[in-house]
N, C-alpha and C. Protein backbone atom coordinates (compact mmCIF):
# COMPACT_ATOMS: atom_id res chain seq x y z
N MET A 1 14.68 17.52 6.35
CA MET A 1 13.78 16.72 6.80
C MET A 1 14.73 15.32 6.22
N ASP A 2 14.46 14.14 7.52
CA ASP A 2 15.55 13.15 7.24
C ASP A 2 15.09 12.37 6.35
N ILE A 3 16.02 11.37 6.01
CA ILE A 3 15.50 10.64 4.81
C ILE A 3 14.32 9.47 4.65
N GLU A 4 14.03 9.27 6.36
CA GLU A 4 12.99 8.56 6.55
C GLU A 4 11.60 9.27 5.92
N LYS A 5 11.28 10.42 6.42
CA LYS A 5 10.43 11.06 6.28
C LYS A 5 10.07 11.65 4.81
N ILE A 6 11.92 11.54 4.21
CA ILE A 6 11.19 11.74 2.55
C ILE A 6 10.92 11.21 1.96
N LYS A 7 11.12 9.90 2.11
CA LYS A 7 10.49 8.59 1.48
C LYS A 7 8.65 7.97 2.20
N GLU A 8 8.64 8.79 3.29
CA GLU A 8 7.42 8.75 4.09
C GLU A 8 6.54 9.16 2.59
N GLU A 9 7.31 11.02 2.36
CA GLU A 9 6.35 11.75 1.92
C GLU A 9 5.66 11.36 0.54
N ILE A 10 7.15 10.52 -0.38
CA ILE A 10 7.17 10.23 -1.55
C ILE A 10 5.91 8.66 -1.97
N SER A 11 5.84 8.16 -0.94
CA SER A 11 5.28 6.97 -0.38
C SER A 11 4.07 7.84 -0.71
N ILE A 12 3.49 8.81 0.06
CA ILE A 12 2.05 9.24 0.26
C ILE A 12 1.39 9.92 -1.03
N SER A 13 3.02 10.68 -1.80
CA SER A 13 2.79 11.38 -2.92
C SER A 13 1.59 10.42 -4.16
N TYR A 14 2.37 9.03 -4.15
CA TYR A 14 2.35 8.17 -5.49
C TYR A 14 1.35 7.49 -4.96
N ILE A 15 -0.01 7.09 -4.46
CA ILE A 15 -0.77 7.22 -4.19
C ILE A 15 -1.70 7.66 -4.11
N SER A 16 -1.93 8.96 -3.70
CA SER A 16 -2.87 9.88 -3.82
C SER A 16 -2.50 10.11 -5.32
N ALA A 17 -1.70 10.58 -6.13
CA ALA A 17 -1.99 10.85 -7.61
C ALA A 17 -2.98 9.55 -7.90
N LEU A 18 -2.37 8.56 -7.61
CA LEU A 18 -2.54 7.10 -8.21
C LEU A 18 -4.44 7.25 -8.26
N CYS A 19 -4.42 7.28 -6.83
CA CYS A 19 -5.74 7.19 -6.40
C CYS A 19 -6.53 8.36 -7.05
N ALA A 20 -5.84 10.15 -7.03
CA ALA A 20 -7.07 11.02 -7.71
C ALA A 20 -6.88 10.88 -9.27
N TYR A 21 -6.36 10.31 -10.04
CA TYR A 21 -6.64 8.97 -11.55
C TYR A 21 -7.87 8.47 -11.77
N ALA A 22 -7.77 7.89 -10.33
CA ALA A 22 -8.71 6.91 -10.18
C ALA A 22 -9.99 7.36 -9.73
N GLY A 23 -10.04 8.35 -9.72
CA GLY A 23 -11.53 9.20 -8.83
C GLY A 23 -11.78 8.17 -7.09
N ILE A 24 -10.52 8.23 -6.91
CA ILE A 24 -11.09 7.36 -5.31
C ILE A 24 -10.10 8.94 -4.36
N ASP A 25 -11.46 8.38 -3.61
CA ASP A 25 -11.09 9.37 -2.24
C ASP A 25 -10.06 9.03 -1.34
N TYR A 26 -8.67 9.82 -1.01
CA TYR A 26 -7.53 8.66 -0.33
C TYR A 26 -7.44 10.10 0.81
N ASP A 27 -8.23 9.56 1.90
CA ASP A 27 -7.84 9.83 3.01
C ASP A 27 -6.46 9.60 4.43
N ARG A 28 -5.37 10.82 4.53
CA ARG A 28 -4.43 10.84 5.21
C ARG A 28 -4.40 9.97 6.54
N VAL A 29 -4.25 9.35 7.52
CA VAL A 29 -4.49 8.99 9.05
C VAL A 29 -3.06 9.65 9.06
N ILE A 30 -3.57 10.75 10.84
CA ILE A 30 -2.18 10.95 11.34
C ILE A 30 -1.83 10.16 11.78
N HIS A 31 -2.38 9.57 12.99
CA HIS A 31 -2.32 9.42 14.42
C HIS A 31 -2.48 7.84 13.96
N ASP A 32 -1.23 6.72 13.77
CA ASP A 32 -1.77 5.14 12.67
C ASP A 32 -1.22 4.50 13.74
N GLU A 33 -1.54 4.49 15.11
CA GLU A 33 -1.39 2.76 16.20
C GLU A 33 -1.78 1.68 15.59
N ASP A 34 -2.59 1.52 14.75
CA ASP A 34 -3.16 0.42 14.06
C ASP A 34 -2.31 0.44 12.97
N SER A 35 -1.16 0.58 13.15
CA SER A 35 -0.15 0.64 11.38
C SER A 35 -1.65 1.10 9.85
N THR A 36 -2.62 2.22 9.91
CA THR A 36 -3.18 2.87 9.00
C THR A 36 -2.62 4.32 8.82
N ASP A 37 -2.03 4.01 7.18
CA ASP A 37 -1.25 5.81 7.49
C ASP A 37 -2.50 6.33 6.42
N GLY A 38 -3.62 5.68 5.78
CA GLY A 38 -4.73 6.44 4.78
C GLY A 38 -5.43 5.47 4.78
N GLN A 39 -6.71 5.37 4.17
CA GLN A 39 -8.20 5.24 3.96
C GLN A 39 -8.18 5.17 2.62
N LEU A 40 -8.45 4.40 1.87
CA LEU A 40 -8.97 4.71 0.25
C LEU A 40 -10.19 4.74 0.75
N LYS A 41 -11.17 5.21 -0.50
CA LYS A 41 -12.88 5.39 -0.28
C LYS A 41 -13.55 5.33 -1.65
N LYS A 42 -14.70 4.40 -2.01
CA LYS A 42 -15.45 5.32 -3.40
C LYS A 42 -16.98 4.71 -3.75
N ILE A 43 -17.54 5.19 -3.94
CA ILE A 43 -18.81 4.08 -4.05
C ILE A 43 -18.67 3.58 -5.51
N ILE A 44 -18.95 2.19 -4.59
CA ILE A 44 -19.30 1.72 -6.07
C ILE A 44 -20.30 0.77 -6.79
N THR A 45 -20.64 1.01 -7.88
CA THR A 45 -21.43 0.28 -8.36
C THR A 45 -21.20 -1.54 -8.82
N LEU A 46 -22.00 -2.20 -7.96
CA LEU A 46 -21.73 -3.52 -8.24
C LEU A 46 -22.19 -4.14 -9.09
N ASN A 47 -22.82 -5.09 -9.75
CA ASN A 47 -23.13 -6.02 -11.07
C ASN A 47 -24.30 -6.04 -10.65
N ASN A 48 -25.58 -6.14 -9.29
CA ASN A 48 -26.92 -5.86 -9.47
C ASN A 48 -27.57 -4.41 -10.17
N GLY A 49 -26.42 -3.71 -9.61
CA GLY A 49 -26.99 -2.34 -9.69
C GLY A 49 -26.52 -1.52 -8.17
N ARG A 50 -26.45 -1.86 -7.11
CA ARG A 50 -26.57 -1.39 -6.16
C ARG A 50 -25.24 -0.20 -5.91
N LEU A 51 -25.56 0.97 -5.17
CA LEU A 51 -23.80 1.45 -4.79
C LEU A 51 -23.89 1.24 -3.67
N PHE A 52 -22.47 1.03 -3.66
CA PHE A 52 -21.74 0.60 -2.14
C PHE A 52 -20.12 1.38 -1.63
N GLN A 53 -20.50 2.18 -0.53
CA GLN A 53 -19.28 2.87 0.38
C GLN A 53 -18.53 1.75 0.35
N SER A 54 -17.09 1.52 -0.20
CA SER A 54 -16.17 0.58 -0.23
C SER A 54 -14.63 1.33 0.34
N GLN A 55 -14.33 0.80 1.09
CA GLN A 55 -12.89 1.15 2.02
C GLN A 55 -11.90 0.70 2.34
N LEU A 56 -10.97 0.89 2.14
CA LEU A 56 -9.60 0.14 2.47
C LEU A 56 -8.74 0.40 3.10
N ARG A 57 -8.36 0.39 4.41
CA ARG A 57 -7.01 0.98 4.96
C ARG A 57 -5.74 0.67 4.31
N VAL A 58 -4.66 1.56 4.45
CA VAL A 58 -2.89 1.23 3.87
C VAL A 58 -2.32 1.68 4.99
N GLN A 59 -1.65 0.49 4.85
CA GLN A 59 0.07 1.17 5.29
C GLN A 59 0.87 1.15 4.22
N LEU A 60 1.72 2.42 4.04
CA LEU A 60 2.47 2.89 3.07
C LEU A 60 3.85 2.23 3.76
N LYS A 61 4.38 1.74 3.53
CA LYS A 61 6.32 1.45 3.46
C LYS A 61 6.86 1.64 2.59
N CYS A 62 7.88 2.11 2.20
CA CYS A 62 8.94 3.49 1.22
C CYS A 62 10.09 2.06 1.42
N THR A 63 11.00 2.23 0.32
CA THR A 63 12.52 2.21 0.41
C THR A 63 13.46 1.61 -0.46
N SER A 64 14.52 2.10 -0.38
CA SER A 64 15.33 2.07 -1.48
C SER A 64 16.32 0.99 -1.34
N SER A 65 16.78 0.68 0.10
CA SER A 65 18.40 -0.62 0.44
C SER A 65 17.77 -1.55 0.73
N LEU A 66 18.53 -1.95 -0.56
CA LEU A 66 18.66 -3.59 -0.58
C LEU A 66 19.14 -4.28 0.57
N SER A 67 19.35 -3.87 1.66
CA SER A 67 19.34 -4.69 3.24
C SER A 67 17.62 -4.76 3.70
N GLN A 68 16.83 -4.38 3.22
CA GLN A 68 15.89 -4.05 3.79
C GLN A 68 14.53 -4.85 2.41
N TYR A 69 15.12 -5.28 1.29
CA TYR A 69 14.28 -6.14 0.55
C TYR A 69 14.98 -6.69 -0.49
N SER A 70 14.66 -7.88 -1.22
CA SER A 70 15.40 -8.19 -1.84
C SER A 70 14.42 -8.55 -3.21
N ASP A 71 14.93 -8.76 -4.91
CA ASP A 71 14.84 -9.17 -5.38
C ASP A 71 14.48 -10.69 -5.92
N LYS A 72 13.26 -11.34 -5.97
CA LYS A 72 13.20 -12.85 -6.20
C LYS A 72 12.89 -13.32 -7.09
N GLY A 73 12.52 -12.05 -8.60
CA GLY A 73 12.00 -12.31 -9.97
C GLY A 73 10.66 -11.77 -9.85
N ASP A 74 10.15 -12.92 -9.90
CA ASP A 74 8.09 -12.68 -9.64
C ASP A 74 8.24 -12.36 -8.20
N CYS A 75 8.87 -12.64 -6.79
CA CYS A 75 8.48 -11.16 -5.60
C CYS A 75 9.57 -10.58 -5.41
N ILE A 76 8.71 -9.84 -4.67
CA ILE A 76 9.84 -9.26 -3.27
C ILE A 76 9.70 -9.53 -1.79
N ILE A 77 11.09 -10.08 -1.42
CA ILE A 77 11.12 -10.45 0.13
C ILE A 77 11.17 -8.98 1.32
N TYR A 78 10.20 -8.90 1.48
CA TYR A 78 10.21 -7.56 2.67
C TYR A 78 10.81 -7.49 3.85
N LYS A 79 11.57 -6.92 4.18
CA LYS A 79 12.02 -6.89 6.60
C LYS A 79 10.76 -5.84 6.77
N LEU A 80 9.27 -6.49 6.89
CA LEU A 80 8.20 -5.67 7.76
C LEU A 80 8.67 -5.41 9.43
N LYS A 81 8.24 -4.84 10.03
CA LYS A 81 8.26 -5.05 11.37
C LYS A 81 7.02 -5.67 11.75
N VAL A 82 7.93 -5.97 13.19
CA VAL A 82 6.67 -6.92 14.40
C VAL A 82 5.42 -6.22 13.90
N LYS A 83 5.41 -5.34 15.17
CA LYS A 83 4.17 -4.55 15.06
C LYS A 83 3.44 -4.42 13.69
N ASN A 84 3.99 -4.16 12.57
CA ASN A 84 3.02 -3.82 11.74
C ASN A 84 2.36 -4.68 10.72
N TYR A 85 3.65 -5.98 10.97
CA TYR A 85 3.24 -7.18 10.55
C TYR A 85 1.65 -7.92 11.42
N ASN A 86 1.81 -7.90 12.75
CA ASN A 86 0.20 -8.85 13.76
C ASN A 86 -0.34 -7.40 13.35
N ASP A 87 -0.06 -6.25 13.11
CA ASP A 87 -1.35 -5.22 12.72
C ASP A 87 -2.31 -5.72 11.90
N LEU A 88 -1.57 -5.84 10.61
CA LEU A 88 -2.13 -6.39 9.04
C LEU A 88 -2.37 -7.23 9.62
N CYS A 89 -2.21 -8.15 10.27
CA CYS A 89 -2.87 -9.92 10.29
C CYS A 89 -4.17 -9.69 11.17
N THR A 90 -4.67 -8.68 12.23
CA THR A 90 -5.86 -8.56 13.03
C THR A 90 -7.02 -8.33 12.16
N PRO A 91 -7.62 -9.19 12.64
CA PRO A 91 -9.05 -9.34 11.50
C PRO A 91 -9.91 -7.83 11.92
N ALA A 92 -10.40 -7.34 11.12
CA ALA A 92 -11.04 -6.06 11.05
C ALA A 92 -12.10 -5.74 9.93
N THR A 93 -12.87 -4.68 10.81
CA THR A 93 -14.05 -4.77 9.76
C THR A 93 -14.25 -3.71 8.36
N THR A 94 -12.57 -3.08 8.60
CA THR A 94 -12.44 -2.15 7.50
C THR A 94 -11.50 -2.98 6.99
N PRO A 95 -10.91 -3.78 5.73
CA PRO A 95 -9.50 -4.05 5.28
C PRO A 95 -8.32 -3.28 5.35
N ILE A 96 -7.22 -4.26 5.77
CA ILE A 96 -5.79 -3.68 5.34
C ILE A 96 -4.64 -4.02 4.63
N ILE A 97 -3.92 -3.09 3.90
CA ILE A 97 -3.61 -3.84 2.76
C ILE A 97 -1.82 -3.42 3.46
N LEU A 98 -0.96 -3.91 3.23
CA LEU A 98 0.27 -3.04 3.08
C LEU A 98 0.41 -2.89 1.32
N CYS A 99 1.28 -1.14 1.61
CA CYS A 99 1.81 -0.90 0.59
C CYS A 99 3.17 -1.03 0.21
N LEU A 100 4.09 -1.61 -0.84
CA LEU A 100 5.57 -1.06 -0.71
C LEU A 100 5.74 0.18 -1.47
N LEU A 101 6.61 0.76 -1.11
CA LEU A 101 7.05 1.24 -2.43
C LEU A 101 9.00 1.34 -2.32
N ILE A 102 9.31 0.73 -4.02
CA ILE A 102 10.67 0.28 -4.10
C ILE A 102 10.85 1.86 -4.78
N LEU A 103 11.92 2.33 -4.31
CA LEU A 103 12.59 3.35 -4.97
C LEU A 103 13.91 2.50 -5.56
N PRO A 104 14.65 3.27 -6.67
CA PRO A 104 15.86 3.69 -6.63
C PRO A 104 17.23 3.39 -5.56
N GLU A 105 18.35 2.61 -5.74
CA GLU A 105 19.22 3.24 -4.42
C GLU A 105 19.69 3.97 -4.43
N ASP A 106 19.78 5.04 -5.58
CA ASP A 106 20.40 6.71 -6.06
C ASP A 106 19.30 7.66 -5.44
N GLN A 107 19.59 8.21 -4.69
CA GLN A 107 18.25 9.40 -4.07
C GLN A 107 18.03 10.42 -5.28
N ASN A 108 18.60 10.19 -6.08
CA ASN A 108 19.17 11.47 -6.95
C ASN A 108 18.04 10.65 -7.73
N GLU A 109 17.90 9.42 -8.49
CA GLU A 109 16.64 8.97 -9.57
C GLU A 109 15.14 8.93 -8.69
N TRP A 110 15.20 9.35 -7.24
CA TRP A 110 14.11 9.40 -7.33
C TRP A 110 13.09 10.16 -7.86
N LEU A 111 13.37 11.09 -7.95
CA LEU A 111 11.69 11.78 -8.62
C LEU A 111 12.66 12.73 -9.70
N LYS A 112 11.89 12.75 -11.18
CA LYS A 112 12.48 14.06 -12.19
C LYS A 112 11.25 14.73 -12.24
N TRP A 113 11.53 16.38 -12.30
CA TRP A 113 11.13 17.29 -12.84
C TRP A 113 11.45 17.83 -13.93
N SER A 114 10.17 18.66 -15.15
CA SER A 114 10.63 19.01 -15.78
C SER A 114 8.89 20.26 -15.76
N GLU A 115 9.80 21.28 -16.48
CA GLU A 115 8.38 22.05 -17.36
C GLU A 115 7.07 21.57 -17.74
N GLU A 116 7.29 20.35 -18.00
CA GLU A 116 5.97 19.26 -18.53
C GLU A 116 5.47 17.84 -17.74
N GLU A 117 6.42 17.52 -17.19
CA GLU A 117 6.35 16.29 -16.45
C GLU A 117 7.01 16.40 -14.52
N LEU A 118 6.39 15.53 -13.71
CA LEU A 118 7.18 15.21 -13.23
C LEU A 118 7.02 13.61 -12.56
N ILE A 119 7.94 13.25 -12.71
CA ILE A 119 7.88 11.71 -12.38
C ILE A 119 8.75 11.12 -11.19
N ILE A 120 7.88 10.25 -10.59
CA ILE A 120 8.49 9.70 -9.13
C ILE A 120 8.78 8.10 -9.96
N LYS A 121 10.04 8.06 -9.24
CA LYS A 121 10.77 6.33 -10.45
C LYS A 121 10.60 5.81 -9.13
N GLY A 122 9.61 4.57 -9.52
CA GLY A 122 9.64 3.42 -8.59
C GLY A 122 8.34 2.77 -8.73
N ARG A 123 8.27 1.49 -7.92
CA ARG A 123 6.70 0.71 -7.95
C ARG A 123 6.56 0.57 -6.73
N MET A 124 5.34 0.55 -6.86
CA MET A 124 4.48 0.28 -5.62
C MET A 124 4.15 -1.13 -5.54
N TYR A 125 3.93 -2.18 -4.77
CA TYR A 125 3.38 -3.28 -4.56
C TYR A 125 2.00 -3.49 -3.70
N TRP A 126 1.43 -5.01 -3.77
CA TRP A 126 0.73 -4.58 -2.22
C TRP A 126 0.27 -5.70 -1.75
N LYS A 127 0.12 -6.24 -0.59
CA LYS A 127 -0.28 -7.70 0.10
C LYS A 127 -0.99 -7.86 0.90
N CYS A 128 -1.55 -8.26 1.17
CA CYS A 128 -2.71 -8.47 2.04
C CYS A 128 -2.83 -10.17 2.92
N PHE A 129 -2.97 -9.00 4.08
CA PHE A 129 -2.15 -10.60 5.76
C PHE A 129 -3.62 -10.72 5.78
N PHE A 130 -4.69 -10.85 5.49
CA PHE A 130 -5.93 -11.41 5.81
C PHE A 130 -5.56 -13.12 6.39
N GLY A 131 -5.82 -13.60 7.18
CA GLY A 131 -6.26 -15.08 8.04
C GLY A 131 -4.77 -14.95 8.22
N GLU A 132 -3.74 -14.24 8.22
CA GLU A 132 -2.06 -15.14 8.18
C GLU A 132 -2.14 -14.68 9.85
N ASN A 133 -1.35 -15.97 10.72
CA ASN A 133 -0.79 -15.67 11.84
C ASN A 133 -0.22 -15.20 12.01
N LYS A 134 -0.10 -14.07 13.26
CA LYS A 134 0.48 -13.50 14.13
C LYS A 134 2.02 -13.75 14.04
N THR A 135 3.03 -13.41 14.37
CA THR A 135 4.41 -13.71 14.35
C THR A 135 4.63 -13.30 16.31
N ASP A 136 5.77 -14.33 16.56
CA ASP A 136 6.40 -13.90 17.91
C ASP A 136 7.93 -13.43 17.85
N ASN A 137 7.90 -13.03 16.48
CA ASN A 137 9.64 -12.16 16.24
C ASN A 137 9.77 -11.42 16.99
N ALA A 138 11.30 -11.00 17.46
CA ALA A 138 11.49 -9.91 17.97
C ALA A 138 11.07 -8.49 17.26
N SER A 139 11.64 -8.60 16.34
CA SER A 139 11.89 -7.03 15.66
C SER A 139 11.40 -6.97 14.43
N THR A 140 11.47 -7.80 13.23
CA THR A 140 10.92 -7.39 12.33
C THR A 140 10.66 -9.49 11.02
N ILE A 141 9.86 -9.65 10.14
CA ILE A 141 10.27 -10.45 9.71
C ILE A 141 9.70 -10.66 7.99
N ASN A 142 10.40 -11.11 7.22
CA ASN A 142 10.67 -11.30 5.85
C ASN A 142 9.30 -11.58 5.76
N VAL A 143 8.58 -11.03 4.31
CA VAL A 143 7.41 -11.27 3.93
C VAL A 143 7.39 -11.14 2.42
N LYS A 144 6.72 -11.93 1.65
CA LYS A 144 6.79 -12.51 0.84
C LYS A 144 5.03 -11.70 0.01
N ILE A 145 5.96 -10.19 -1.23
CA ILE A 145 5.35 -9.46 -2.04
C ILE A 145 5.06 -10.30 -3.61
N ASP A 146 4.02 -10.80 -3.61
CA ASP A 146 4.47 -11.31 -4.89
C ASP A 146 4.22 -10.36 -6.15
N LYS A 147 5.27 -10.44 -7.55
CA LYS A 147 5.28 -8.64 -7.68
C LYS A 147 4.41 -8.67 -9.10
N SER A 148 2.53 -9.29 -9.44
CA SER A 148 2.08 -9.26 -9.74
C SER A 148 0.91 -8.32 -9.10
N ASN A 149 1.36 -7.87 -8.29
CA ASN A 149 0.46 -7.26 -7.13
C ASN A 149 0.62 -5.57 -7.16
N VAL A 150 0.90 -5.25 -8.47
CA VAL A 150 0.99 -3.91 -8.62
C VAL A 150 0.29 -3.39 -8.18
N ILE A 151 0.91 -2.04 -7.58
CA ILE A 151 -0.63 -0.81 -7.49
C ILE A 151 -0.79 0.40 -8.59
N ASN A 152 -1.51 0.28 -9.33
CA ASN A 152 -1.55 1.43 -10.02
C ASN A 152 -3.28 2.08 -9.99
N SER A 153 -4.06 3.04 -11.01
CA SER A 153 -5.19 3.11 -10.67
C SER A 153 -6.26 2.45 -11.30
N ILE A 154 -5.80 0.97 -11.97
CA ILE A 154 -6.52 -0.15 -12.08
C ILE A 154 -6.46 -1.03 -10.83
N SER A 155 -5.75 -1.73 -10.83
CA SER A 155 -5.55 -2.46 -9.37
C SER A 155 -6.26 -2.15 -8.33
N LEU A 156 -6.23 -0.49 -8.31
CA LEU A 156 -6.70 0.33 -6.66
C LEU A 156 -8.41 0.37 -7.16
N GLN A 157 -9.04 0.39 -8.26
CA GLN A 157 -9.62 0.23 -8.41
C GLN A 157 -10.56 -1.28 -8.21
N LYS A 158 -9.72 -2.63 -8.53
CA LYS A 158 -10.34 -3.68 -8.53
C LYS A 158 -10.07 -4.08 -6.86
N LEU A 159 -9.81 -3.52 -6.36
CA LEU A 159 -9.45 -4.05 -4.85
C LEU A 159 -10.26 -3.59 -4.09
N LEU A 160 -11.18 -2.30 -4.49
CA LEU A 160 -12.02 -1.57 -4.12
C LEU A 160 -13.20 -2.22 -4.57
N GLU A 161 -12.97 -2.58 -5.46
CA GLU A 161 -14.64 -3.76 -5.68
C GLU A 161 -14.95 -4.87 -5.18
N ARG A 162 -13.44 -5.50 -5.05
CA ARG A 162 -13.32 -6.56 -4.33
C ARG A 162 -13.93 -6.96 -3.00
N VAL A 163 -13.38 -5.57 -2.27
CA VAL A 163 -14.10 -5.31 -0.78
C VAL A 163 -15.49 -5.08 -0.99
N ALA A 164 -15.85 -4.50 -1.33
CA ALA A 164 -17.75 -4.35 -2.08
C ALA A 164 -18.30 -5.38 -2.23
N GLU A 165 -17.49 -6.79 -3.13
CA GLU A 165 -18.41 -7.81 -3.54
C GLU A 165 -18.32 -8.86 -1.70
N GLU A 166 -16.82 -8.51 -1.32
CA GLU A 166 -16.47 -9.29 -0.01
C GLU A 166 -17.86 -9.02 0.98
N VAL A 167 -17.88 -7.67 1.34
CA VAL A 167 -18.30 -7.26 2.62
C VAL A 167 -19.67 -8.06 2.38
N LEU A 168 -20.58 -8.42 1.17
CA LEU A 168 -22.22 -8.29 0.89
C LEU A 168 -22.39 -10.18 1.12
N LEU A 169 -20.65 -10.60 1.35
CA LEU A 169 -21.24 -12.17 1.29
C LEU A 169 -21.53 -12.32 2.40
N LEU A 170 -21.74 -11.89 3.95
CA LEU A 170 -20.91 -11.63 5.08
C LEU A 170 -23.08 -11.93 5.60
């Protein structure tokens, strides 16, 4: 398996494990012509007691290469393909976010296994591009991702709650 496929599979495993822990369904999308790699789904109970089937699409990216990103302290600057960026900016009935998993540079550090635990070493961040203007760049665009937008089981739950609340405002 080539290195990019390995990174892709690790990013899927990372978000799948977090979703499972949070009780969120994660459906993998096989054909991602619209830059959708997966869909998160959960029934959310709103403040008024009503139930809402909340859904959020994700575009997964994974890197370990400092040529693809730079850490600026409070944010990450990532080189995103223009096609993916423009897809993420396109208005949709089901929102989509970018989920970027940053792994250590040393491939031997990506995953640790023992008889008692499995550890994926890295951190995943999210960014929403709703309302952003599409770009005319030729191949990539540098995007800024706030490091406070960490993906974990709590943030995934909160993102689905926000989707449910905002849909009701339409």
